[in-house]
Amino acid sequence: MNQLETYTKNGQKITQMLRMLKAKGKTVIVATHDPELMKLADRTACLEDGRLSSQNE
């Protein structure tokens, strides 16, 4: 298994875990650069140069 396959497999596990926690009504705080992962969030806050640049609820 190469690094990309490992990364993809781990990413899928993380996504499944986050979906499970969301379904149970749990609060999870995630820091990511992955826009696809951000789509799972009910609320997001984006930082640029250490400052809040946008947020949604």
PDB file of N, CA and C in Angstrom:
ATOM      1  N   MET A   1       0.854  -1.178   0.000  1.00  0.00           N
ATOM      2  CA  MET A   1       0.000   0.000   0.000  1.00  0.00           C
ATOM      3  C   MET A   1       0.897   1.237   0.000  1.00  0.00           C
ATOM      4  N   ASN A   2       0.657   2.145  -0.952  1.00  0.00           N
ATOM      5  CA  ASN A   2       1.472   3.355  -1.007  1.00  0.00           C
ATOM      6  C   ASN A   2       0.871   4.444  -0.115  1.00  0.00           C
ATOM      7  N   GLN A   3       1.563   5.576  -0.026  1.00  0.00           N
ATOM      8  CA  GLN A   3       1.134   6.652   0.876  1.00  0.00           C
ATOM      9  C   GLN A   3      -0.228   7.209   0.491  1.00  0.00           C
ATOM     10  N   LEU A   4      -0.497   7.351  -0.804  1.00  0.00           N
ATOM     11  CA  LEU A   4      -1.782   7.889  -1.246  1.00  0.00           C
ATOM     12  C   LEU A   4      -2.920   6.949  -0.857  1.00  0.00           C
ATOM     13  N   GLU A   5      -2.716   5.651  -1.034  1.00  0.00           N
ATOM     14  CA  GLU A   5      -3.744   4.679  -0.651  1.00  0.00           C
ATOM     15  C   GLU A   5      -3.989   4.709   0.852  1.00  0.00           C
ATOM     16  N   THR A   6      -2.921   4.827   1.628  1.00  0.00           N
ATOM     17  CA  THR A   6      -3.047   4.914   3.083  1.00  0.00           C
ATOM     18  C   THR A   6      -3.793   6.176   3.472  1.00  0.00           C
ATOM     19  N   TYR A   7      -3.445   7.306   2.863  1.00  0.00           N
ATOM     20  CA  TYR A   7      -4.098   8.579   3.149  1.00  0.00           C
ATOM     21  C   TYR A   7      -5.587   8.499   2.822  1.00  0.00           C
ATOM     22  N   THR A   8      -5.907   7.937   1.654  1.00  0.00           N
ATOM     23  CA  THR A   8      -7.301   7.823   1.231  1.00  0.00           C
ATOM     24  C   THR A   8      -8.079   6.920   2.172  1.00  0.00           C
ATOM     25  N   LYS A   9      -7.503   5.797   2.545  1.00  0.00           N
ATOM     26  CA  LYS A   9      -8.175   4.855   3.446  1.00  0.00           C
ATOM     27  C   LYS A   9      -8.408   5.500   4.811  1.00  0.00           C
ATOM     28  N   ASN A  10      -7.407   6.187   5.333  1.00  0.00           N
ATOM     29  CA  ASN A  10      -7.561   6.869   6.622  1.00  0.00           C
ATOM     30  C   ASN A  10      -8.586   7.986   6.525  1.00  0.00           C
ATOM     31  N   GLY A  11      -8.581   8.725   5.424  1.00  0.00           N
ATOM     32  CA  GLY A  11      -9.552   9.794   5.220  1.00  0.00           C
ATOM     33  C   GLY A  11     -10.974   9.264   5.206  1.00  0.00           C
ATOM     34  N   GLN A  12     -11.169   8.111   4.585  1.00  0.00           N
ATOM     35  CA  GLN A  12     -12.496   7.493   4.554  1.00  0.00           C
ATOM     36  C   GLN A  12     -12.936   7.086   5.956  1.00  0.00           C
ATOM     37  N   LYS A  13     -12.016   6.561   6.745  1.00  0.00           N
ATOM     38  CA  LYS A  13     -12.343   6.174   8.125  1.00  0.00           C
ATOM     39  C   LYS A  13     -12.719   7.396   8.954  1.00  0.00           C
ATOM     40  N   ILE A  14     -11.976   8.469   8.781  1.00  0.00           N
ATOM     41  CA  ILE A  14     -12.259   9.704   9.523  1.00  0.00           C
ATOM     42  C   ILE A  14     -13.623  10.255   9.120  1.00  0.00           C
ATOM     43  N   THR A  15     -13.915  10.268   7.826  1.00  0.00           N
ATOM     44  CA  THR A  15     -15.205  10.760   7.345  1.00  0.00           C
ATOM     45  C   THR A  15     -16.347   9.926   7.915  1.00  0.00           C
ATOM     46  N   GLN A  16     -16.208   8.615   7.924  1.00  0.00           N
ATOM     47  CA  GLN A  16     -17.239   7.736   8.487  1.00  0.00           C
ATOM     48  C   GLN A  16     -17.444   8.023   9.970  1.00  0.00           C
ATOM     49  N   MET A  17     -16.349   8.197  10.695  1.00  0.00           N
ATOM     50  CA  MET A  17     -16.432   8.472  12.122  1.00  0.00           C
ATOM     51  C   MET A  17     -17.138   9.804  12.378  1.00  0.00           C
ATOM     52  N   LEU A  18     -16.805  10.837  11.600  1.00  0.00           N
ATOM     53  CA  LEU A  18     -17.443  12.139  11.770  1.00  0.00           C
ATOM     54  C   LEU A  18     -18.935  12.067  11.464  1.00  0.00           C
ATOM     55  N   ARG A  19     -19.305  11.328  10.442  1.00  0.00           N
ATOM     56  CA  ARG A  19     -20.731  11.166  10.113  1.00  0.00           C
ATOM     57  C   ARG A  19     -21.472  10.454  11.245  1.00  0.00           C
ATOM     58  N   MET A  20     -20.848   9.435  11.826  1.00  0.00           N
ATOM     59  CA  MET A  20     -21.460   8.703  12.929  1.00  0.00           C
ATOM     60  C   MET A  20     -21.668   9.622  14.134  1.00  0.00           C
ATOM     61  N   LEU A  21     -20.647  10.408  14.475  1.00  0.00           N
ATOM     62  CA  LEU A  21     -20.749  11.326  15.604  1.00  0.00           C
ATOM     63  C   LEU A  21     -21.818  12.385  15.351  1.00  0.00           C
ATOM     64  N   LYS A  22     -21.887  12.882  14.129  1.00  0.00           N
ATOM     65  CA  LYS A  22     -22.897  13.879  13.770  1.00  0.00           C
ATOM     66  C   LYS A  22     -24.297  13.295  13.925  1.00  0.00           C
ATOM     67  N   ALA A  23     -24.484  12.062  13.474  1.00  0.00           N
ATOM     68  CA  ALA A  23     -25.786  11.398  13.581  1.00  0.00           C
ATOM     69  C   ALA A  23     -26.205  11.221  15.036  1.00  0.00           C
ATOM     70  N   LYS A  24     -25.228  11.101  15.925  1.00  0.00           N
ATOM     71  CA  LYS A  24     -25.510  10.954  17.359  1.00  0.00           C
ATOM     72  C   LYS A  24     -25.658  12.298  18.057  1.00  0.00           C
ATOM     73  N   GLY A  25     -25.544  13.390  17.290  1.00  0.00           N
ATOM     74  CA  GLY A  25     -25.717  14.719  17.866  1.00  0.00           C
ATOM     75  C   GLY A  25     -24.514  15.227  18.638  1.00  0.00           C
ATOM     76  N   LYS A  26     -23.353  14.669  18.383  1.00  0.00           N
ATOM     77  CA  LYS A  26     -22.134  15.067  19.093  1.00  0.00           C
ATOM     78  C   LYS A  26     -21.512  16.306  18.459  1.00  0.00           C
ATOM     79  N   THR A  27     -20.847  17.093  19.276  1.00  0.00           N
ATOM     80  CA  THR A  27     -20.109  18.257  18.800  1.00  0.00           C
ATOM     81  C   THR A  27     -18.659  17.858  18.572  1.00  0.00           C
ATOM     82  N   VAL A  28     -18.148  18.187  17.398  1.00  0.00           N
ATOM     83  CA  VAL A  28     -16.762  17.881  17.045  1.00  0.00           C
ATOM     84  C   VAL A  28     -16.156  19.132  16.430  1.00  0.00           C
ATOM     85  N   ILE A  29     -14.965  19.476  16.861  1.00  0.00           N
ATOM     86  CA  ILE A  29     -14.241  20.609  16.280  1.00  0.00           C
ATOM     87  C   ILE A  29     -13.092  20.042  15.456  1.00  0.00           C
ATOM     88  N   VAL A  30     -13.036  20.439  14.188  1.00  0.00           N
ATOM     89  CA  VAL A  30     -12.035  19.913  13.263  1.00  0.00           C
ATOM     90  C   VAL A  30     -11.308  21.075  12.599  1.00  0.00           C
ATOM     91  N   ALA A  31     -10.010  20.991  12.524  1.00  0.00           N
ATOM     92  CA  ALA A  31      -9.207  21.949  11.754  1.00  0.00           C
ATOM     93  C   ALA A  31      -8.754  21.219  10.491  1.00  0.00           C
ATOM     94  N   THR A  32      -9.103  21.769   9.325  1.00  0.00           N
ATOM     95  CA  THR A  32      -8.776  21.093   8.070  1.00  0.00           C
ATOM     96  C   THR A  32      -8.573  22.094   6.939  1.00  0.00           C
ATOM     97  N   HIS A  33      -7.869  21.639   5.926  1.00  0.00           N
ATOM     98  CA  HIS A  33      -7.728  22.396   4.682  1.00  0.00           C
ATOM     99  C   HIS A  33      -8.543  21.726   3.579  1.00  0.00           C
ATOM    100  N   ASP A  34      -9.267  20.670   3.926  1.00  0.00           N
ATOM    101  CA  ASP A  34     -10.004  19.864   2.956  1.00  0.00           C
ATOM    102  C   ASP A  34     -11.440  20.370   2.793  1.00  0.00           C
ATOM    103  N   PRO A  35     -11.758  20.997   1.650  1.00  0.00           N
ATOM    104  CA  PRO A  35     -13.108  21.526   1.445  1.00  0.00           C
ATOM    105  C   PRO A  35     -14.188  20.444   1.469  1.00  0.00           C
ATOM    106  N   GLU A  36     -13.851  19.230   1.053  1.00  0.00           N
ATOM    107  CA  GLU A  36     -14.830  18.138   1.083  1.00  0.00           C
ATOM    108  C   GLU A  36     -15.191  17.773   2.518  1.00  0.00           C
ATOM    109  N   LEU A  37     -14.219  17.772   3.394  1.00  0.00           N
ATOM    110  CA  LEU A  37     -14.470  17.476   4.803  1.00  0.00           C
ATOM    111  C   LEU A  37     -15.298  18.586   5.439  1.00  0.00           C
ATOM    112  N   MET A  38     -15.067  19.810   5.012  1.00  0.00           N
ATOM    113  CA  MET A  38     -15.821  20.948   5.550  1.00  0.00           C
ATOM    114  C   MET A  38     -17.307  20.847   5.214  1.00  0.00           C
ATOM    115  N   LYS A  39     -17.639  20.165   4.127  1.00  0.00           N
ATOM    116  CA  LYS A  39     -19.043  20.025   3.725  1.00  0.00           C
ATOM    117  C   LYS A  39     -19.856  19.222   4.740  1.00  0.00           C
ATOM    118  N   LEU A  40     -19.190  18.442   5.581  1.00  0.00           N
ATOM    119  CA  LEU A  40     -19.883  17.659   6.600  1.00  0.00           C
ATOM    120  C   LEU A  40     -20.339  18.521   7.773  1.00  0.00           C
ATOM    121  N   ALA A  41     -19.800  19.708   7.888  1.00  0.00           N
ATOM    122  CA  ALA A  41     -20.047  20.551   9.062  1.00  0.00           C
ATOM    123  C   ALA A  41     -21.380  21.279   8.988  1.00  0.00           C
ATOM    124  N   ASP A  42     -22.018  21.424  10.144  1.00  0.00           N
ATOM    125  CA  ASP A  42     -23.213  22.260  10.252  1.00  0.00           C
ATOM    126  C   ASP A  42     -22.816  23.726  10.317  1.00  0.00           C
ATOM    127  N   ARG A  43     -21.669  23.988  10.934  1.00  0.00           N
ATOM    128  CA  ARG A  43     -21.157  25.355  11.076  1.00  0.00           C
ATOM    129  C   ARG A  43     -19.679  25.349  10.715  1.00  0.00           C
ATOM    130  N   THR A  44     -19.226  26.412  10.061  1.00  0.00           N
ATOM    131  CA  THR A  44     -17.804  26.542   9.748  1.00  0.00           C
ATOM    132  C   THR A  44     -17.323  27.950  10.073  1.00  0.00           C
ATOM    133  N   ALA A  45     -16.050  28.043  10.358  1.00  0.00           N
ATOM    134  CA  ALA A  45     -15.375  29.331  10.541  1.00  0.00           C
ATOM    135  C   ALA A  45     -14.048  29.222   9.806  1.00  0.00           C
ATOM    136  N   CYS A  46     -13.751  30.179   8.957  1.00  0.00           N
ATOM    137  CA  CYS A  46     -12.518  30.156   8.170  1.00  0.00           C
ATOM    138  C   CYS A  46     -11.573  31.250   8.644  1.00  0.00           C
ATOM    139  N   LEU A  47     -10.310  30.881   8.751  1.00  0.00           N
ATOM    140  CA  LEU A  47      -9.270  31.821   9.151  1.00  0.00           C
ATOM    141  C   LEU A  47      -8.354  32.100   7.973  1.00  0.00           C
ATOM    142  N   GLU A  48      -7.946  33.349   7.835  1.00  0.00           N
ATOM    143  CA  GLU A  48      -6.927  33.750   6.864  1.00  0.00           C
ATOM    144  C   GLU A  48      -5.961  34.669   7.580  1.00  0.00           C
ATOM    145  N   ASP A  49      -4.692  34.341   7.498  1.00  0.00           N
ATOM    146  CA  ASP A  49      -3.649  35.125   8.165  1.00  0.00           C
ATOM    147  C   ASP A  49      -3.944  35.306   9.652  1.00  0.00           C
ATOM    148  N   GLY A  50      -4.492  34.250  10.270  1.00  0.00           N
ATOM    149  CA  GLY A  50      -4.746  34.272  11.707  1.00  0.00           C
ATOM    150  C   GLY A  50      -5.982  35.048  12.126  1.00  0.00           C
ATOM    151  N   ARG A  51      -6.790  35.472  11.162  1.00  0.00           N
ATOM    152  CA  ARG A  51      -8.006  36.243  11.478  1.00  0.00           C
ATOM    153  C   ARG A  51      -9.230  35.556  10.886  1.00  0.00           C
ATOM    154  N   LEU A  52     -10.347  35.696  11.581  1.00  0.00           N
ATOM    155  CA  LEU A  52     -11.598  35.141  11.101  1.00  0.00           C
ATOM    156  C   LEU A  52     -12.005  35.846   9.813  1.00  0.00           C
ATOM    157  N   SER A  53     -12.128  35.085   8.729  1.00  0.00           N
ATOM    158  CA  SER A  53     -12.472  35.691   7.443  1.00  0.00           C
ATOM    159  C   SER A  53     -13.923  35.423   7.051  1.00  0.00           C
ATOM    160  N   SER A  54     -14.480  34.317   7.534  1.00  0.00           N
ATOM    161  CA  SER A  54     -15.886  34.023   7.249  1.00  0.00           C
ATOM    162  C   SER A  54     -16.385  32.959   8.209  1.00  0.00           C
ATOM    163  N   GLN A  55     -17.698  32.926   8.366  1.00  0.00           N
ATOM    164  CA  GLN A  55     -18.322  31.873   9.153  1.00  0.00           C
ATOM    165  C   GLN A  55     -19.756  31.704   8.689  1.00  0.00           C
ATOM    166  N   ASN A  56     -20.283  30.507   8.904  1.00  0.00           N
ATOM    167  CA  ASN A  56     -21.694  30.274   8.606  1.00  0.00           C
ATOM    168  C   ASN A  56     -22.289  29.411   9.703  1.00  0.00           C
ATOM    169  N   GLU A  57     -23.579  29.493   9.823  1.00  0.00           N
ATOM    170  CA  GLU A  57     -24.286  28.690  10.831  1.00  0.00           C
ATOM    171  C   GLU A  57     -25.445  27.995  10.179  1.00  0.00           C
TER     172      GLU A  57
END
